[in-house]
mmCIF file of all heavy atoms, coordinates in Angstrom:
data_MODEL
# 
_entry.id   MODEL 
# 
loop_
_atom_site.group_PDB 
_atom_site.id 
_atom_site.type_symbol 
_atom_site.label_atom_id 
_atom_site.label_alt_id 
_atom_site.label_comp_id 
_atom_site.label_asym_id 
_atom_site.label_entity_id 
_atom_site.label_seq_id 
_atom_site.pdbx_PDB_ins_code 
_atom_site.Cartn_x 
_atom_site.Cartn_y 
_atom_site.Cartn_z 
_atom_site.occupancy 
_atom_site.B_iso_or_equiv 
_atom_site.pdbx_formal_charge 
_atom_site.auth_seq_id 
_atom_site.auth_comp_id 
_atom_site.auth_asym_id 
_atom_site.auth_atom_id 
_atom_site.pdbx_PDB_model_num 
ATOM 1   N N   . ALA A 1 1  ? -12.085 -3.895  25.779 1.00 0.00 ? 1  ALA A N   1 
ATOM 2   C CA  . ALA A 1 1  ? -12.185 -2.652  26.543 1.00 0.00 ? 1  ALA A CA  1 
ATOM 3   C C   . ALA A 1 1  ? -13.386 -2.683  27.482 1.00 0.00 ? 1  ALA A C   1 
ATOM 4   O O   . ALA A 1 1  ? -13.294 -2.263  28.642 1.00 0.00 ? 1  ALA A O   1 
ATOM 5   C CB  . ALA A 1 1  ? -12.276 -1.459  25.592 1.00 0.00 ? 1  ALA A CB  1 
ATOM 6   N N   . VAL A 1 2  ? -14.507 -3.180  27.008 1.00 0.00 ? 2  VAL A N   1 
ATOM 7   C CA  . VAL A 1 2  ? -15.699 -3.291  27.852 1.00 0.00 ? 2  VAL A CA  1 
ATOM 8   C C   . VAL A 1 2  ? -15.492 -4.333  28.945 1.00 0.00 ? 2  VAL A C   1 
ATOM 9   O O   . VAL A 1 2  ? -15.883 -4.125  30.103 1.00 0.00 ? 2  VAL A O   1 
ATOM 10  C CB  . VAL A 1 2  ? -16.934 -3.636  26.995 1.00 0.00 ? 2  VAL A CB  1 
ATOM 11  C CG1 . VAL A 1 2  ? -18.127 -4.025  27.874 1.00 0.00 ? 2  VAL A CG1 1 
ATOM 12  C CG2 . VAL A 1 2  ? -17.299 -2.459  26.102 1.00 0.00 ? 2  VAL A CG2 1 
ATOM 13  N N   . LYS A 1 3  ? -14.862 -5.439  28.596 1.00 0.00 ? 3  LYS A N   1 
ATOM 14  C CA  . LYS A 1 3  ? -14.584 -6.479  29.586 1.00 0.00 ? 3  LYS A CA  1 
ATOM 15  C C   . LYS A 1 3  ? -13.731 -5.927  30.728 1.00 0.00 ? 3  LYS A C   1 
ATOM 16  O O   . LYS A 1 3  ? -13.955 -6.241  31.908 1.00 0.00 ? 3  LYS A O   1 
ATOM 17  C CB  . LYS A 1 3  ? -13.867 -7.647  28.913 1.00 0.00 ? 3  LYS A CB  1 
ATOM 18  C CG  . LYS A 1 3  ? -13.606 -8.839  29.823 1.00 0.00 ? 3  LYS A CG  1 
ATOM 19  C CD  . LYS A 1 3  ? -12.957 -9.978  29.051 1.00 0.00 ? 3  LYS A CD  1 
ATOM 20  C CE  . LYS A 1 3  ? -12.659 -11.160 29.964 1.00 0.00 ? 3  LYS A CE  1 
ATOM 21  N NZ  . LYS A 1 3  ? -12.016 -12.275 29.214 1.00 0.00 ? 3  LYS A NZ  1 
ATOM 22  N N   . ASP A 1 4  ? -12.766 -5.080  30.388 1.00 0.00 ? 4  ASP A N   1 
ATOM 23  C CA  . ASP A 1 4  ? -11.856 -4.539  31.395 1.00 0.00 ? 4  ASP A CA  1 
ATOM 24  C C   . ASP A 1 4  ? -12.435 -3.349  32.156 1.00 0.00 ? 4  ASP A C   1 
ATOM 25  O O   . ASP A 1 4  ? -12.092 -3.127  33.324 1.00 0.00 ? 4  ASP A O   1 
ATOM 26  C CB  . ASP A 1 4  ? -10.548 -4.075  30.731 1.00 0.00 ? 4  ASP A CB  1 
ATOM 27  C CG  . ASP A 1 4  ? -9.711  -5.223  30.184 1.00 0.00 ? 4  ASP A CG  1 
ATOM 28  O OD1 . ASP A 1 4  ? -9.962  -6.382  30.541 1.00 0.00 ? 4  ASP A OD1 1 
ATOM 29  O OD2 . ASP A 1 4  ? -8.801  -4.931  29.373 1.00 0.00 ? 4  ASP A OD2 1 
ATOM 30  N N   . ASN A 1 5  ? -13.285 -2.550  31.502 1.00 0.00 ? 5  ASN A N   1 
ATOM 31  C CA  . ASN A 1 5  ? -13.664 -1.243  32.049 1.00 0.00 ? 5  ASN A CA  1 
ATOM 32  C C   . ASN A 1 5  ? -15.163 -1.050  32.221 1.00 0.00 ? 5  ASN A C   1 
ATOM 33  O O   . ASN A 1 5  ? -15.584 0.015   32.693 1.00 0.00 ? 5  ASN A O   1 
ATOM 34  C CB  . ASN A 1 5  ? -13.145 -0.126  31.126 1.00 0.00 ? 5  ASN A CB  1 
ATOM 35  C CG  . ASN A 1 5  ? -11.652 -0.199  30.905 1.00 0.00 ? 5  ASN A CG  1 
ATOM 36  O OD1 . ASN A 1 5  ? -10.866 0.265   31.714 1.00 0.00 ? 5  ASN A OD1 1 
ATOM 37  N ND2 . ASN A 1 5  ? -11.240 -0.804  29.780 1.00 0.00 ? 5  ASN A ND2 1 
ATOM 38  N N   . GLY A 1 6  ? -15.967 -2.048  31.838 1.00 0.00 ? 6  GLY A N   1 
ATOM 39  C CA  . GLY A 1 6  ? -17.402 -1.851  31.845 1.00 0.00 ? 6  GLY A CA  1 
ATOM 40  C C   . GLY A 1 6  ? -17.839 -1.065  30.619 1.00 0.00 ? 6  GLY A C   1 
ATOM 41  O O   . GLY A 1 6  ? -17.027 -0.700  29.770 1.00 0.00 ? 6  GLY A O   1 
ATOM 42  N N   . SER A 1 7  ? -19.133 -0.763  30.535 1.00 0.00 ? 7  SER A N   1 
ATOM 43  C CA  . SER A 1 7  ? -19.668 -0.100  29.341 1.00 0.00 ? 7  SER A CA  1 
ATOM 44  C C   . SER A 1 7  ? -19.943 1.376   29.569 1.00 0.00 ? 7  SER A C   1 
ATOM 45  O O   . SER A 1 7  ? -20.714 2.000   28.833 1.00 0.00 ? 7  SER A O   1 
ATOM 46  C CB  . SER A 1 7  ? -20.948 -0.799  28.879 1.00 0.00 ? 7  SER A CB  1 
ATOM 47  O OG  . SER A 1 7  ? -21.917 -0.793  29.926 1.00 0.00 ? 7  SER A OG  1 
ATOM 48  N N   . SER A 1 8  ? -19.323 1.950   30.603 1.00 0.00 ? 8  SER A N   1 
ATOM 49  C CA  . SER A 1 8  ? -19.466 3.369   30.884 1.00 0.00 ? 8  SER A CA  1 
ATOM 50  C C   . SER A 1 8  ? -18.084 3.960   31.179 1.00 0.00 ? 8  SER A C   1 
ATOM 51  O O   . SER A 1 8  ? -17.493 3.680   32.222 1.00 0.00 ? 8  SER A O   1 
ATOM 52  C CB  . SER A 1 8  ? -20.399 3.592   32.079 1.00 0.00 ? 8  SER A CB  1 
ATOM 53  O OG  . SER A 1 8  ? -20.474 4.963   32.406 1.00 0.00 ? 8  SER A OG  1 
ATOM 54  N N   . PHE A 1 9  ? -17.568 4.740   30.233 1.00 0.00 ? 9  PHE A N   1 
ATOM 55  C CA  . PHE A 1 9  ? -16.271 5.388   30.449 1.00 0.00 ? 9  PHE A CA  1 
ATOM 56  C C   . PHE A 1 9  ? -16.098 6.528   29.451 1.00 0.00 ? 9  PHE A C   1 
ATOM 57  O O   . PHE A 1 9  ? -16.798 6.602   28.437 1.00 0.00 ? 9  PHE A O   1 
ATOM 58  C CB  . PHE A 1 9  ? -15.106 4.393   30.324 1.00 0.00 ? 9  PHE A CB  1 
ATOM 59  C CG  . PHE A 1 9  ? -15.077 3.580   29.058 1.00 0.00 ? 9  PHE A CG  1 
ATOM 60  C CD1 . PHE A 1 9  ? -14.587 4.111   27.867 1.00 0.00 ? 9  PHE A CD1 1 
ATOM 61  C CD2 . PHE A 1 9  ? -15.528 2.257   29.055 1.00 0.00 ? 9  PHE A CD2 1 
ATOM 62  C CE1 . PHE A 1 9  ? -14.545 3.353   26.697 1.00 0.00 ? 9  PHE A CE1 1 
ATOM 63  C CE2 . PHE A 1 9  ? -15.491 1.492   27.899 1.00 0.00 ? 9  PHE A CE2 1 
ATOM 64  C CZ  . PHE A 1 9  ? -14.991 2.026   26.721 1.00 0.00 ? 9  PHE A CZ  1 
ATOM 65  N N   . GLN A 1 10 ? -15.180 7.426   29.791 1.00 0.00 ? 10 GLN A N   1 
ATOM 66  C CA  . GLN A 1 10 ? -14.806 8.492   28.873 1.00 0.00 ? 10 GLN A CA  1 
ATOM 67  C C   . GLN A 1 10 ? -13.602 8.033   28.059 1.00 0.00 ? 10 GLN A C   1 
ATOM 68  O O   . GLN A 1 10 ? -12.660 7.464   28.612 1.00 0.00 ? 10 GLN A O   1 
ATOM 69  C CB  . GLN A 1 10 ? -14.494 9.774   29.640 1.00 0.00 ? 10 GLN A CB  1 
ATOM 70  C CG  . GLN A 1 10 ? -15.721 10.367  30.316 1.00 0.00 ? 10 GLN A CG  1 
ATOM 71  C CD  . GLN A 1 10 ? -15.483 11.756  30.853 1.00 0.00 ? 10 GLN A CD  1 
ATOM 72  O OE1 . GLN A 1 10 ? -14.470 12.403  30.548 1.00 0.00 ? 10 GLN A OE1 1 
ATOM 73  N NE2 . GLN A 1 10 ? -16.418 12.248  31.656 1.00 0.00 ? 10 GLN A NE2 1 
ATOM 74  N N   . ALA A 1 11 ? -13.670 8.286   26.758 1.00 0.00 ? 11 ALA A N   1 
ATOM 75  C CA  . ALA A 1 11 ? -12.675 7.715   25.851 1.00 0.00 ? 11 ALA A CA  1 
ATOM 76  C C   . ALA A 1 11 ? -11.993 8.768   25.001 1.00 0.00 ? 11 ALA A C   1 
ATOM 77  O O   . ALA A 1 11 ? -12.578 9.791   24.634 1.00 0.00 ? 11 ALA A O   1 
ATOM 78  C CB  . ALA A 1 11 ? -13.334 6.678   24.935 1.00 0.00 ? 11 ALA A CB  1 
ATOM 79  N N   . GLY A 1 12 ? -10.749 8.492   24.689 1.00 0.00 ? 12 GLY A N   1 
ATOM 80  C CA  . GLY A 1 12 ? -10.037 9.188   23.632 1.00 0.00 ? 12 GLY A CA  1 
ATOM 81  C C   . GLY A 1 12 ? -9.992  8.276   22.427 1.00 0.00 ? 12 GLY A C   1 
ATOM 82  O O   . GLY A 1 12 ? -10.042 7.038   22.560 1.00 0.00 ? 12 GLY A O   1 
ATOM 83  N N   . TYR A 1 13 ? -9.904  8.866   21.248 1.00 0.00 ? 13 TYR A N   1 
ATOM 84  C CA  . TYR A 1 13 ? -9.966  8.072   20.018 1.00 0.00 ? 13 TYR A CA  1 
ATOM 85  C C   . TYR A 1 13 ? -8.978  8.626   19.004 1.00 0.00 ? 13 TYR A C   1 
ATOM 86  O O   . TYR A 1 13 ? -8.998  9.820   18.677 1.00 0.00 ? 13 TYR A O   1 
ATOM 87  C CB  . TYR A 1 13 ? -11.388 8.120   19.462 1.00 0.00 ? 13 TYR A CB  1 
ATOM 88  C CG  . TYR A 1 13 ? -11.603 7.408   18.146 1.00 0.00 ? 13 TYR A CG  1 
ATOM 89  C CD1 . TYR A 1 13 ? -11.077 6.128   17.914 1.00 0.00 ? 13 TYR A CD1 1 
ATOM 90  C CD2 . TYR A 1 13 ? -12.347 7.998   17.134 1.00 0.00 ? 13 TYR A CD2 1 
ATOM 91  C CE1 . TYR A 1 13 ? -11.299 5.478   16.713 1.00 0.00 ? 13 TYR A CE1 1 
ATOM 92  C CE2 . TYR A 1 13 ? -12.576 7.355   15.929 1.00 0.00 ? 13 TYR A CE2 1 
ATOM 93  C CZ  . TYR A 1 13 ? -12.045 6.090   15.723 1.00 0.00 ? 13 TYR A CZ  1 
ATOM 94  O OH  . TYR A 1 13 ? -12.264 5.442   14.528 1.00 0.00 ? 13 TYR A OH  1 
ATOM 95  N N   . ALA A 1 14 ? -8.097  7.764   18.507 1.00 0.00 ? 14 ALA A N   1 
ATOM 96  C CA  . ALA A 1 14 ? -7.118  8.153   17.495 1.00 0.00 ? 14 ALA A CA  1 
ATOM 97  C C   . ALA A 1 14 ? -7.599  7.687   16.125 1.00 0.00 ? 14 ALA A C   1 
ATOM 98  O O   . ALA A 1 14 ? -7.836  6.489   15.921 1.00 0.00 ? 14 ALA A O   1 
ATOM 99  C CB  . ALA A 1 14 ? -5.759  7.539   17.819 1.00 0.00 ? 14 ALA A CB  1 
ATOM 100 N N   . TYR A 1 15 ? -7.733  8.629   15.205 1.00 0.00 ? 15 TYR A N   1 
ATOM 101 C CA  . TYR A 1 15 ? -8.296  8.288   13.891 1.00 0.00 ? 15 TYR A CA  1 
ATOM 102 C C   . TYR A 1 15 ? -7.928  9.357   12.871 1.00 0.00 ? 15 TYR A C   1 
ATOM 103 O O   . TYR A 1 15 ? -7.917  10.551  13.171 1.00 0.00 ? 15 TYR A O   1 
ATOM 104 C CB  . TYR A 1 15 ? -9.823  8.186   14.003 1.00 0.00 ? 15 TYR A CB  1 
ATOM 105 C CG  . TYR A 1 15 ? -10.565 8.064   12.694 1.00 0.00 ? 15 TYR A CG  1 
ATOM 106 C CD1 . TYR A 1 15 ? -10.308 7.014   11.815 1.00 0.00 ? 15 TYR A CD1 1 
ATOM 107 C CD2 . TYR A 1 15 ? -11.538 8.988   12.346 1.00 0.00 ? 15 TYR A CD2 1 
ATOM 108 C CE1 . TYR A 1 15 ? -11.010 6.892   10.624 1.00 0.00 ? 15 TYR A CE1 1 
ATOM 109 C CE2 . TYR A 1 15 ? -12.247 8.884   11.152 1.00 0.00 ? 15 TYR A CE2 1 
ATOM 110 C CZ  . TYR A 1 15 ? -11.972 7.836   10.296 1.00 0.00 ? 15 TYR A CZ  1 
ATOM 111 O OH  . TYR A 1 15 ? -12.662 7.720   9.115  1.00 0.00 ? 15 TYR A OH  1 
ATOM 112 N N   . VAL A 1 16 ? -7.626  8.904   11.651 1.00 0.00 ? 16 VAL A N   1 
ATOM 113 C CA  . VAL A 1 16 ? -7.447  9.787   10.507 1.00 0.00 ? 16 VAL A CA  1 
ATOM 114 C C   . VAL A 1 16 ? -8.281  9.231   9.366  1.00 0.00 ? 16 VAL A C   1 
ATOM 115 O O   . VAL A 1 16 ? -8.135  8.060   8.996  1.00 0.00 ? 16 VAL A O   1 
ATOM 116 C CB  . VAL A 1 16 ? -5.960  9.879   10.084 1.00 0.00 ? 16 VAL A CB  1 
ATOM 117 C CG1 . VAL A 1 16 ? -5.817  10.690  8.801  1.00 0.00 ? 16 VAL A CG1 1 
ATOM 118 C CG2 . VAL A 1 16 ? -5.125  10.493  11.194 1.00 0.00 ? 16 VAL A CG2 1 
ATOM 119 N N   . ALA A 1 17 ? -9.177  10.029  8.832  1.00 0.00 ? 17 ALA A N   1 
ATOM 120 C CA  . ALA A 1 17 ? -10.053 9.573   7.747  1.00 0.00 ? 17 ALA A CA  1 
ATOM 121 C C   . ALA A 1 17 ? -9.296  9.472   6.431  1.00 0.00 ? 17 ALA A C   1 
ATOM 122 O O   . ALA A 1 17 ? -8.258  10.111  6.231  1.00 0.00 ? 17 ALA A O   1 
ATOM 123 C CB  . ALA A 1 17 ? -11.228 10.539  7.600  1.00 0.00 ? 17 ALA A CB  1 
ATOM 124 N N   . GLY A 1 18 ? -9.822  8.654   5.520  1.00 0.00 ? 18 GLY A N   1 
ATOM 125 C CA  . GLY A 1 18 ? -9.283  8.570   4.173  1.00 0.00 ? 18 GLY A CA  1 
ATOM 126 C C   . GLY A 1 18 ? -8.439  7.345   3.901  1.00 0.00 ? 18 GLY A C   1 
ATOM 127 O O   . GLY A 1 18 ? -8.048  7.102   2.761  1.00 0.00 ? 18 GLY A O   1 
ATOM 128 N N   . PHE A 1 19 ? -8.152  6.559   4.945  1.00 0.00 ? 19 PHE A N   1 
ATOM 129 C CA  . PHE A 1 19 ? -7.406  5.313   4.790  1.00 0.00 ? 19 PHE A CA  1 
ATOM 130 C C   . PHE A 1 19 ? -8.369  4.151   5.003  1.00 0.00 ? 19 PHE A C   1 
ATOM 131 O O   . PHE A 1 19 ? -9.006  4.058   6.056  1.00 0.00 ? 19 PHE A O   1 
ATOM 132 C CB  . PHE A 1 19 ? -6.241  5.241   5.786  1.00 0.00 ? 19 PHE A CB  1 
ATOM 133 C CG  . PHE A 1 19 ? -5.201  6.297   5.563  1.00 0.00 ? 19 PHE A CG  1 
ATOM 134 C CD1 . PHE A 1 19 ? -5.288  7.527   6.210  1.00 0.00 ? 19 PHE A CD1 1 
ATOM 135 C CD2 . PHE A 1 19 ? -4.146  6.079   4.688  1.00 0.00 ? 19 PHE A CD2 1 
ATOM 136 C CE1 . PHE A 1 19 ? -4.333  8.514   5.995  1.00 0.00 ? 19 PHE A CE1 1 
ATOM 137 C CE2 . PHE A 1 19 ? -3.184  7.052   4.466  1.00 0.00 ? 19 PHE A CE2 1 
ATOM 138 C CZ  . PHE A 1 19 ? -3.279  8.273   5.117  1.00 0.00 ? 19 PHE A CZ  1 
ATOM 139 N N   . ALA A 1 20 ? -8.475  3.280   4.014  1.00 0.00 ? 20 ALA A N   1 
ATOM 140 C CA  . ALA A 1 20 ? -9.505  2.238   4.045  1.00 0.00 ? 20 ALA A CA  1 
ATOM 141 C C   . ALA A 1 20 ? -9.532  1.445   5.345  1.00 0.00 ? 20 ALA A C   1 
ATOM 142 O O   . ALA A 1 20 ? -10.609 1.257   5.933  1.00 0.00 ? 20 ALA A O   1 
ATOM 143 C CB  . ALA A 1 20 ? -9.343  1.303   2.843  1.00 0.00 ? 20 ALA A CB  1 
ATOM 144 N N   . PRO A 1 21 ? -8.395  0.945   5.848  1.00 0.00 ? 21 PRO A N   1 
ATOM 145 C CA  . PRO A 1 21 ? -8.468  0.161   7.078  1.00 0.00 ? 21 PRO A CA  1 
ATOM 146 C C   . PRO A 1 21 ? -8.938  0.979   8.275  1.00 0.00 ? 21 PRO A C   1 
ATOM 147 O O   . PRO A 1 21 ? -9.718  0.488   9.099  1.00 0.00 ? 21 PRO A O   1 
ATOM 148 C CB  . PRO A 1 21 ? -7.037  -0.347  7.281  1.00 0.00 ? 21 PRO A CB  1 
ATOM 149 C CG  . PRO A 1 21 ? -6.189  0.573   6.478  1.00 0.00 ? 21 PRO A CG  1 
ATOM 150 C CD  . PRO A 1 21 ? -7.024  0.990   5.313  1.00 0.00 ? 21 PRO A CD  1 
ATOM 151 N N   . LEU A 1 22 ? -8.488  2.232   8.370  1.00 0.00 ? 22 LEU A N   1 
ATOM 152 C CA  . LEU A 1 22 ? -8.922  3.080   9.481  1.00 0.00 ? 22 LEU A CA  1 
ATOM 153 C C   . LEU A 1 22 ? -10.394 3.442   9.340  1.00 0.00 ? 22 LEU A C   1 
ATOM 154 O O   . LEU A 1 22 ? -11.129 3.510   10.337 1.00 0.00 ? 22 LEU A O   1 
ATOM 155 C CB  . LEU A 1 22 ? -8.068  4.338   9.552  1.00 0.00 ? 22 LEU A CB  1 
ATOM 156 C CG  . LEU A 1 22 ? -6.608  4.137   9.937  1.00 0.00 ? 22 LEU A CG  1 
ATOM 157 C CD1 . LEU A 1 22 ? -5.877  5.478   9.981  1.00 0.00 ? 22 LEU A CD1 1 
ATOM 158 C CD2 . LEU A 1 22 ? -6.478  3.430   11.281 1.00 0.00 ? 22 LEU A CD2 1 
ATOM 159 N N   . ASP A 1 23 ? -10.850 3.655   8.118  1.00 0.00 ? 23 ASP A N   1 
ATOM 160 C CA  . ASP A 1 23 ? -12.260 3.972   7.907  1.00 0.00 ? 23 ASP A CA  1 
ATOM 161 C C   . ASP A 1 23 ? -13.153 2.785   8.288  1.00 0.00 ? 23 ASP A C   1 
ATOM 162 O O   . ASP A 1 23 ? -14.225 2.966   8.887  1.00 0.00 ? 23 ASP A O   1 
ATOM 163 C CB  . ASP A 1 23 ? -12.511 4.369   6.457  1.00 0.00 ? 23 ASP A CB  1 
ATOM 164 C CG  . ASP A 1 23 ? -11.887 5.718   6.099  1.00 0.00 ? 23 ASP A CG  1 
ATOM 165 O OD1 . ASP A 1 23 ? -11.566 6.488   7.028  1.00 0.00 ? 23 ASP A OD1 1 
ATOM 166 O OD2 . ASP A 1 23 ? -11.706 5.982   4.898  1.00 0.00 ? 23 ASP A OD2 1 
ATOM 167 N N   . ARG A 1 24 ? -12.707 1.568   7.953  1.00 0.00 ? 24 ARG A N   1 
ATOM 168 C CA  . ARG A 1 24 ? -13.497 0.394   8.344  1.00 0.00 ? 24 ARG A CA  1 
ATOM 169 C C   . ARG A 1 24 ? -13.505 0.224   9.864  1.00 0.00 ? 24 ARG A C   1 
ATOM 170 O O   . ARG A 1 24 ? -14.532 -0.103  10.459 1.00 0.00 ? 24 ARG A O   1 
ATOM 171 C CB  . ARG A 1 24 ? -12.944 -0.860  7.662  1.00 0.00 ? 24 ARG A CB  1 
ATOM 172 C CG  . ARG A 1 24 ? -13.203 -0.915  6.157  1.00 0.00 ? 24 ARG A CG  1 
ATOM 173 C CD  . ARG A 1 24 ? -12.872 -2.266  5.577  1.00 0.00 ? 24 ARG A CD  1 
ATOM 174 N NE  . ARG A 1 24 ? -11.459 -2.547  5.576  1.00 0.00 ? 24 ARG A NE  1 
ATOM 175 C CZ  . ARG A 1 24 ? -10.651 -2.369  4.528  1.00 0.00 ? 24 ARG A CZ  1 
ATOM 176 N NH1 . ARG A 1 24 ? -11.132 -1.865  3.396  1.00 0.00 ? 24 ARG A NH1 1 
ATOM 177 N NH2 . ARG A 1 24 ? -9.363  -2.668  4.597  1.00 0.00 ? 24 ARG A NH2 1 
ATOM 178 N N   . ARG A 1 25 ? -12.368 0.444   10.502 1.00 0.00 ? 25 ARG A N   1 
ATOM 179 C CA  . ARG A 1 25 ? -12.299 0.342   11.959 1.00 0.00 ? 25 ARG A CA  1 
ATOM 180 C C   . ARG A 1 25 ? -13.162 1.442   12.597 1.00 0.00 ? 25 ARG A C   1 
ATOM 181 O O   . ARG A 1 25 ? -13.783 1.221   13.638 1.00 0.00 ? 25 ARG A O   1 
ATOM 182 C CB  . ARG A 1 25 ? -10.838 0.431   12.421 1.00 0.00 ? 25 ARG A CB  1 
ATOM 183 C CG  . ARG A 1 25 ? -10.016 -0.741  11.909 1.00 0.00 ? 25 ARG A CG  1 
ATOM 184 C CD  . ARG A 1 25 ? -8.509  -0.586  12.126 1.00 0.00 ? 25 ARG A CD  1 
ATOM 185 N NE  . ARG A 1 25 ? -7.792  -1.557  11.300 1.00 0.00 ? 25 ARG A NE  1 
ATOM 186 C CZ  . ARG A 1 25 ? -6.479  -1.757  11.340 1.00 0.00 ? 25 ARG A CZ  1 
ATOM 187 N NH1 . ARG A 1 25 ? -5.732  -1.059  12.179 1.00 0.00 ? 25 ARG A NH1 1 
ATOM 188 N NH2 . ARG A 1 25 ? -5.916  -2.663  10.553 1.00 0.00 ? 25 ARG A NH2 1 
ATOM 189 N N   . ASN A 1 26 ? -13.209 2.592   11.960 1.00 0.00 ? 26 ASN A N   1 
ATOM 190 C CA  . ASN A 1 26 ? -14.043 3.678   12.467 1.00 0.00 ? 26 ASN A CA  1 
ATOM 191 C C   . ASN A 1 26 ? -15.524 3.312   12.407 1.00 0.00 ? 26 ASN A C   1 
ATOM 192 O O   . ASN A 1 26 ? -16.305 3.692   13.299 1.00 0.00 ? 26 ASN A O   1 
ATOM 193 C CB  . ASN A 1 26 ? -13.787 4.953   11.666 1.00 0.00 ? 26 ASN A CB  1 
ATOM 194 C CG  . ASN A 1 26 ? -14.604 6.119   12.163 1.00 0.00 ? 26 ASN A CG  1 
ATOM 195 O OD1 . ASN A 1 26 ? -14.467 6.562   13.303 1.00 0.00 ? 26 ASN A OD1 1 
ATOM 196 N ND2 . ASN A 1 26 ? -15.501 6.613   11.316 1.00 0.00 ? 26 ASN A ND2 1 
ATOM 197 N N   . GLU A 1 27 ? -15.940 2.603   11.383 1.00 0.00 ? 27 GLU A N   1 
ATOM 198 C CA  . GLU A 1 27 ? -17.337 2.167   11.296 1.00 0.00 ? 27 GLU A CA  1 
ATOM 199 C C   . GLU A 1 27 ? -17.710 1.334   12.523 1.00 0.00 ? 27 GLU A C   1 
ATOM 200 O O   . GLU A 1 27 ? -18.798 1.488   13.097 1.00 0.00 ? 27 GLU A O   1 
ATOM 201 C CB  . GLU A 1 27 ? -17.561 1.361   10.015 1.00 0.00 ? 27 GLU A CB  1 
ATOM 202 C CG  . GLU A 1 27 ? -17.515 2.204   8.746  1.00 0.00 ? 27 GLU A CG  1 
ATOM 203 C CD  . GLU A 1 27 ? -17.450 1.358   7.482  1.00 0.00 ? 27 GLU A CD  1 
ATOM 204 O OE1 . GLU A 1 27 ? -17.468 0.108   7.601  1.00 0.00 ? 27 GLU A OE1 1 
ATOM 205 O OE2 . GLU A 1 27 ? -17.385 1.936   6.389  1.00 0.00 ? 27 GLU A OE2 1 
ATOM 206 N N   . THR A 1 28 ? -16.797 0.450   12.932 1.00 0.00 ? 28 THR A N   1 
ATOM 207 C CA  . THR A 1 28 ? -17.052 -0.371  14.119 1.00 0.00 ? 28 THR A CA  1 
ATOM 208 C C   . THR A 1 28 ? -17.094 0.494   15.373 1.00 0.00 ? 28 THR A C   1 
ATOM 209 O O   . THR A 1 28 ? -17.916 0.264   16.273 1.00 0.00 ? 28 THR A O   1 
ATOM 210 C CB  . THR A 1 28 ? -15.979 -1.462  14.245 1.00 0.00 ? 28 THR A CB  1 
ATOM 211 O OG1 . THR A 1 28 ? -16.028 -2.289  13.080 1.00 0.00 ? 28 THR A OG1 1 
ATOM 212 C CG2 . THR A 1 28 ? -16.205 -2.328  15.475 1.00 0.00 ? 28 THR A CG2 1 
ATOM 213 N N   . TRP A 1 29 ? -16.219 1.474   15.466 1.00 0.00 ? 29 TRP A N   1 
ATOM 214 C CA  . TRP A 1 29 ? -16.217 2.386   16.609 1.00 0.00 ? 29 TRP A CA  1 
ATOM 215 C C   . TRP A 1 29 ? -17.534 3.154   16.706 1.00 0.00 ? 29 TRP A C   1 
ATOM 216 O O   . TRP A 1 29 ? -18.116 3.274   17.789 1.00 0.00 ? 29 TRP A O   1 
ATOM 217 C CB  . TRP A 1 29 ? -15.041 3.356   16.487 1.00 0.00 ? 29 TRP A CB  1 
ATOM 218 C CG  . TRP A 1 29 ? -15.010 4.494   17.464 1.00 0.00 ? 29 TRP A CG  1 
ATOM 219 C CD1 . TRP A 1 29 ? -15.071 5.825   17.167 1.00 0.00 ? 29 TRP A CD1 1 
ATOM 220 C CD2 . TRP A 1 29 ? -14.870 4.424   18.895 1.00 0.00 ? 29 TRP A CD2 1 
ATOM 221 N NE1 . TRP A 1 29 ? -14.988 6.581   18.311 1.00 0.00 ? 29 TRP A NE1 1 
ATOM 222 C CE2 . TRP A 1 29 ? -14.853 5.741   19.383 1.00 0.00 ? 29 TRP A CE2 1 
ATOM 223 C CE3 . TRP A 1 29 ? -14.756 3.368   19.793 1.00 0.00 ? 29 TRP A CE3 1 
ATOM 224 C CZ2 . TRP A 1 29 ? -14.737 6.049   20.739 1.00 0.00 ? 29 TRP A CZ2 1 
ATOM 225 C CZ3 . TRP A 1 29 ? -14.630 3.671   21.144 1.00 0.00 ? 29 TRP A CZ3 1 
ATOM 226 C CH2 . TRP A 1 29 ? -14.624 4.984   21.609 1.00 0.00 ? 29 TRP A CH2 1 
# 
């Protein structure tokens, strides 16, 4: 995403807490 858009942009984020894989991906986000 940074390679394509640079490091300055407005973002939307899809996430639901309570699921281990999504929670781990959220930590990276």
